[in-house]
Amino acid sequence: MYFMKFLIVILFFSGMMLGCKNSKNITFCEGVSTEGKGINCGLKFETGDLTVIIKDKGPFETAKISIDVYEISKTAETKIDSLPLDVKPDNNTVSVNLSFYRSGKYSVKASKEGKNFADGDIEIIEQ
């Protein structure tokens, strides 16, 4: 009986940890409304320009963050672009336009002071 309770508790916490690990703080959209909400958001888009919404758990507490774009292949992630982005330290959300003109899978990561705080993956397909 004790073993079953122990097993249930372990499975519960394992599920919680996996759920937290997979949470993404970057959303890919076709645009942003005047209220700051993403329009037509998803994980698979045709080639072109997209709006990337980056959200931190709390205020950025810095004036600059870095956005890194990686192309994902079967064997590696290759950084293909990096850009600094000015943000308001009191805000926790910012949006930026990125261009994706080659089909493939990509990962976008946001960092501040050298530490990643948000990431998201996207697939781009030909029109």
C-alpha atoms as a PDB file:
ATOM      1  CA  MET A   1       0.000   0.000   0.000  1.00  0.00           C
ATOM      2  CA  TYR A   2       2.800   2.409   0.910  1.00  0.00           C
ATOM      3  CA  PHE A   3       4.563   1.617  -2.379  1.00  0.00           C
ATOM      4  CA  MET A   4       1.459   2.524  -4.435  1.00  0.00           C
ATOM      5  CA  LYS A   5       1.100   5.897  -2.674  1.00  0.00           C
ATOM      6  CA  PHE A   6       4.797   6.557  -3.182  1.00  0.00           C
ATOM      7  CA  LEU A   7       4.525   5.645  -6.871  1.00  0.00           C
ATOM      8  CA  ILE A   8       1.519   7.952  -7.370  1.00  0.00           C
ATOM      9  CA  VAL A   9       3.338  10.852  -5.703  1.00  0.00           C
ATOM     10  CA  ILE A  10       6.450  10.276  -7.853  1.00  0.00           C
ATOM     11  CA  LEU A  11       4.376  10.123 -11.053  1.00  0.00           C
ATOM     12  CA  PHE A  12       2.512  13.300 -10.093  1.00  0.00           C
ATOM     13  CA  PHE A  13       5.699  15.301  -9.484  1.00  0.00           C
ATOM     14  CA  SER A  14       7.328  13.894 -12.615  1.00  0.00           C
ATOM     15  CA  GLY A  15       4.352  15.072 -14.656  1.00  0.00           C
ATOM     16  CA  MET A  16       4.530  18.507 -13.058  1.00  0.00           C
ATOM     17  CA  MET A  17       8.234  18.827 -13.817  1.00  0.00           C
ATOM     18  CA  LEU A  18       7.778  17.782 -17.437  1.00  0.00           C
ATOM     19  CA  GLY A  19       4.899  20.220 -17.825  1.00  0.00           C
ATOM     20  CA  CYS A  20       6.999  23.074 -16.490  1.00  0.00           C
ATOM     21  CA  LYS A  21       9.974  22.187 -18.649  1.00  0.00           C
ATOM     22  CA  ASN A  22       7.922  22.303 -21.839  1.00  0.00           C
ATOM     23  CA  SER A  23       6.368  25.697 -21.170  1.00  0.00           C
ATOM     24  CA  LYS A  24       7.328  28.187 -23.852  1.00  0.00           C
ATOM     25  CA  ASN A  25       7.520  31.939 -23.360  1.00  0.00           C
ATOM     26  CA  ILE A  26       7.730  32.819 -27.057  1.00  0.00           C
ATOM     27  CA  THR A  27       4.668  32.970 -29.293  1.00  0.00           C
ATOM     28  CA  PHE A  28       4.738  33.230 -33.094  1.00  0.00           C
ATOM     29  CA  CYS A  29       1.951  35.262 -34.739  1.00  0.00           C
ATOM     30  CA  GLU A  30       1.038  36.991 -37.982  1.00  0.00           C
ATOM     31  CA  GLY A  31       0.679  40.274 -36.109  1.00  0.00           C
ATOM     32  CA  VAL A  32      -0.312  41.981 -32.864  1.00  0.00           C
ATOM     33  CA  SER A  33      -3.573  43.804 -32.121  1.00  0.00           C
ATOM     34  CA  THR A  34      -3.712  47.319 -30.680  1.00  0.00           C
ATOM     35  CA  GLU A  35      -4.370  45.654 -27.298  1.00  0.00           C
ATOM     36  CA  GLY A  36      -1.093  43.740 -27.587  1.00  0.00           C
ATOM     37  CA  LYS A  37      -2.695  40.343 -28.270  1.00  0.00           C
ATOM     38  CA  GLY A  38      -1.270  38.018 -30.907  1.00  0.00           C
ATOM     39  CA  ILE A  39      -3.197  37.589 -34.174  1.00  0.00           C
ATOM     40  CA  ASN A  40      -3.276  34.183 -35.903  1.00  0.00           C
ATOM     41  CA  CYS A  41      -0.678  32.582 -33.641  1.00  0.00           C
ATOM     42  CA  GLY A  42       0.710  29.100 -34.158  1.00  0.00           C
ATOM     43  CA  LEU A  43       3.737  26.889 -34.623  1.00  0.00           C
ATOM     44  CA  LYS A  44       3.663  26.360 -38.408  1.00  0.00           C
ATOM     45  CA  PHE A  45       3.676  29.172 -40.980  1.00  0.00           C
ATOM     46  CA  GLU A  46       4.473  29.848 -44.619  1.00  0.00           C
ATOM     47  CA  THR A  47       7.646  31.757 -45.453  1.00  0.00           C
ATOM     48  CA  GLY A  48       7.580  35.482 -44.709  1.00  0.00           C
ATOM     49  CA  ASP A  49       7.604  37.944 -41.837  1.00  0.00           C
ATOM     50  CA  LEU A  50       6.233  37.010 -38.419  1.00  0.00           C
ATOM     51  CA  THR A  51       5.737  38.780 -35.128  1.00  0.00           C
ATOM     52  CA  VAL A  52       7.443  37.091 -32.212  1.00  0.00           C
ATOM     53  CA  ILE A  53       5.978  37.845 -28.776  1.00  0.00           C
ATOM     54  CA  ILE A  54       8.457  37.315 -25.939  1.00  0.00           C
ATOM     55  CA  LYS A  55       7.253  37.111 -22.364  1.00  0.00           C
ATOM     56  CA  ASP A  56       9.289  36.917 -19.153  1.00  0.00           C
ATOM     57  CA  LYS A  57       7.958  35.681 -15.790  1.00  0.00           C
ATOM     58  CA  GLY A  58       8.512  39.102 -14.251  1.00  0.00           C
ATOM     59  CA  PRO A  59       9.847  42.504 -15.330  1.00  0.00           C
ATOM     60  CA  PHE A  60      12.848  42.408 -17.658  1.00  0.00           C
ATOM     61  CA  GLU A  61      14.875  44.453 -15.144  1.00  0.00           C
ATOM     62  CA  THR A  62      17.270  45.407 -17.946  1.00  0.00           C
ATOM     63  CA  ALA A  63      17.237  47.792 -20.898  1.00  0.00           C
ATOM     64  CA  LYS A  64      18.481  45.229 -23.458  1.00  0.00           C
ATOM     65  CA  ILE A  65      17.767  41.611 -24.290  1.00  0.00           C
ATOM     66  CA  SER A  66      19.209  39.422 -27.025  1.00  0.00           C
ATOM     67  CA  ILE A  67      17.215  37.384 -29.557  1.00  0.00           C
ATOM     68  CA  ASP A  68      18.974  34.400 -31.151  1.00  0.00           C
ATOM     69  CA  VAL A  69      17.537  32.411 -34.065  1.00  0.00           C
ATOM     70  CA  TYR A  70      18.721  28.843 -34.656  1.00  0.00           C
ATOM     71  CA  GLU A  71      18.062  26.581 -37.617  1.00  0.00           C
ATOM     72  CA  ILE A  72      17.327  23.049 -36.415  1.00  0.00           C
ATOM     73  CA  SER A  73      18.606  20.107 -38.441  1.00  0.00           C
ATOM     74  CA  LYS A  74      18.530  16.416 -37.624  1.00  0.00           C
ATOM     75  CA  THR A  75      21.962  16.647 -36.025  1.00  0.00           C
ATOM     76  CA  ALA A  76      22.411  20.190 -34.700  1.00  0.00           C
ATOM     77  CA  GLU A  77      21.133  23.675 -33.987  1.00  0.00           C
ATOM     78  CA  THR A  78      22.998  26.354 -35.944  1.00  0.00           C
ATOM     79  CA  LYS A  79      22.748  30.014 -34.958  1.00  0.00           C
ATOM     80  CA  ILE A  80      21.732  31.979 -38.052  1.00  0.00           C
ATOM     81  CA  ASP A  81      20.877  35.354 -36.556  1.00  0.00           C
ATOM     82  CA  SER A  82      21.315  37.361 -33.382  1.00  0.00           C
ATOM     83  CA  LEU A  83      19.938  40.762 -32.592  1.00  0.00           C
ATOM     84  CA  PRO A  84      19.949  43.045 -29.572  1.00  0.00           C
ATOM     85  CA  LEU A  85      16.588  44.474 -28.587  1.00  0.00           C
ATOM     86  CA  ASP A  86      15.901  47.524 -26.445  1.00  0.00           C
ATOM     87  CA  VAL A  87      13.178  46.911 -23.848  1.00  0.00           C
ATOM     88  CA  LYS A  88      11.611  48.814 -20.981  1.00  0.00           C
ATOM     89  CA  PRO A  89      12.961  47.362 -17.707  1.00  0.00           C
ATOM     90  CA  ASP A  90       9.506  47.486 -16.031  1.00  0.00           C
ATOM     91  CA  ASN A  91       7.792  45.522 -18.836  1.00  0.00           C
ATOM     92  CA  ASN A  92       7.685  41.750 -19.117  1.00  0.00           C
ATOM     93  CA  THR A  93       6.487  41.461 -22.733  1.00  0.00           C
ATOM     94  CA  VAL A  94       7.927  42.682 -26.020  1.00  0.00           C
ATOM     95  CA  SER A  95       7.271  41.901 -29.674  1.00  0.00           C
ATOM     96  CA  VAL A  96       9.687  41.889 -32.583  1.00  0.00           C
ATOM     97  CA  ASN A  97       9.309  41.145 -36.291  1.00  0.00           C
ATOM     98  CA  LEU A  98      11.480  38.377 -37.724  1.00  0.00           C
ATOM     99  CA  SER A  99      11.773  37.173 -41.326  1.00  0.00           C
ATOM    100  CA  PHE A 100      11.745  33.489 -42.227  1.00  0.00           C
ATOM    101  CA  TYR A 101      12.311  33.004 -45.965  1.00  0.00           C
ATOM    102  CA  ARG A 102      13.616  29.415 -46.005  1.00  0.00           C
ATOM    103  CA  SER A 103      11.512  26.416 -45.121  1.00  0.00           C
ATOM    104  CA  GLY A 104      12.677  24.392 -42.130  1.00  0.00           C
ATOM    105  CA  LYS A 105      12.505  24.178 -38.368  1.00  0.00           C
ATOM    106  CA  TYR A 106      13.754  27.006 -36.188  1.00  0.00           C
ATOM    107  CA  SER A 107      14.257  27.797 -32.530  1.00  0.00           C
ATOM    108  CA  VAL A 108      14.119  31.348 -31.172  1.00  0.00           C
ATOM    109  CA  LYS A 109      15.712  32.067 -27.806  1.00  0.00           C
ATOM    110  CA  ALA A 110      15.681  35.235 -25.729  1.00  0.00           C
ATOM    111  CA  SER A 111      18.344  36.016 -23.156  1.00  0.00           C
ATOM    112  CA  LYS A 112      19.262  38.776 -20.767  1.00  0.00           C
ATOM    113  CA  GLU A 113      22.638  39.170 -19.152  1.00  0.00           C
ATOM    114  CA  GLY A 114      23.740  35.956 -20.891  1.00  0.00           C
ATOM    115  CA  LYS A 115      20.960  33.735 -19.498  1.00  0.00           C
ATOM    116  CA  ASN A 116      18.102  32.334 -21.582  1.00  0.00           C
ATOM    117  CA  PHE A 117      14.671  33.165 -20.197  1.00  0.00           C
ATOM    118  CA  ALA A 118      12.370  32.320 -23.107  1.00  0.00           C
ATOM    119  CA  ASP A 119      12.354  30.016 -26.110  1.00  0.00           C
ATOM    120  CA  GLY A 120      10.043  28.685 -28.777  1.00  0.00           C
ATOM    121  CA  ASP A 121      10.183  26.456 -31.838  1.00  0.00           C
ATOM    122  CA  ILE A 122       8.540  27.038 -35.200  1.00  0.00           C
ATOM    123  CA  GLU A 123       8.255  25.280 -38.554  1.00  0.00           C
ATOM    124  CA  ILE A 124       8.322  27.254 -41.798  1.00  0.00           C
ATOM    125  CA  ILE A 125       6.918  25.773 -45.000  1.00  0.00           C
ATOM    126  CA  GLU A 126       7.122  26.993 -48.621  1.00  0.00           C
ATOM    127  CA  GLN A 127       4.187  29.008 -49.970  1.00  0.00           C
END
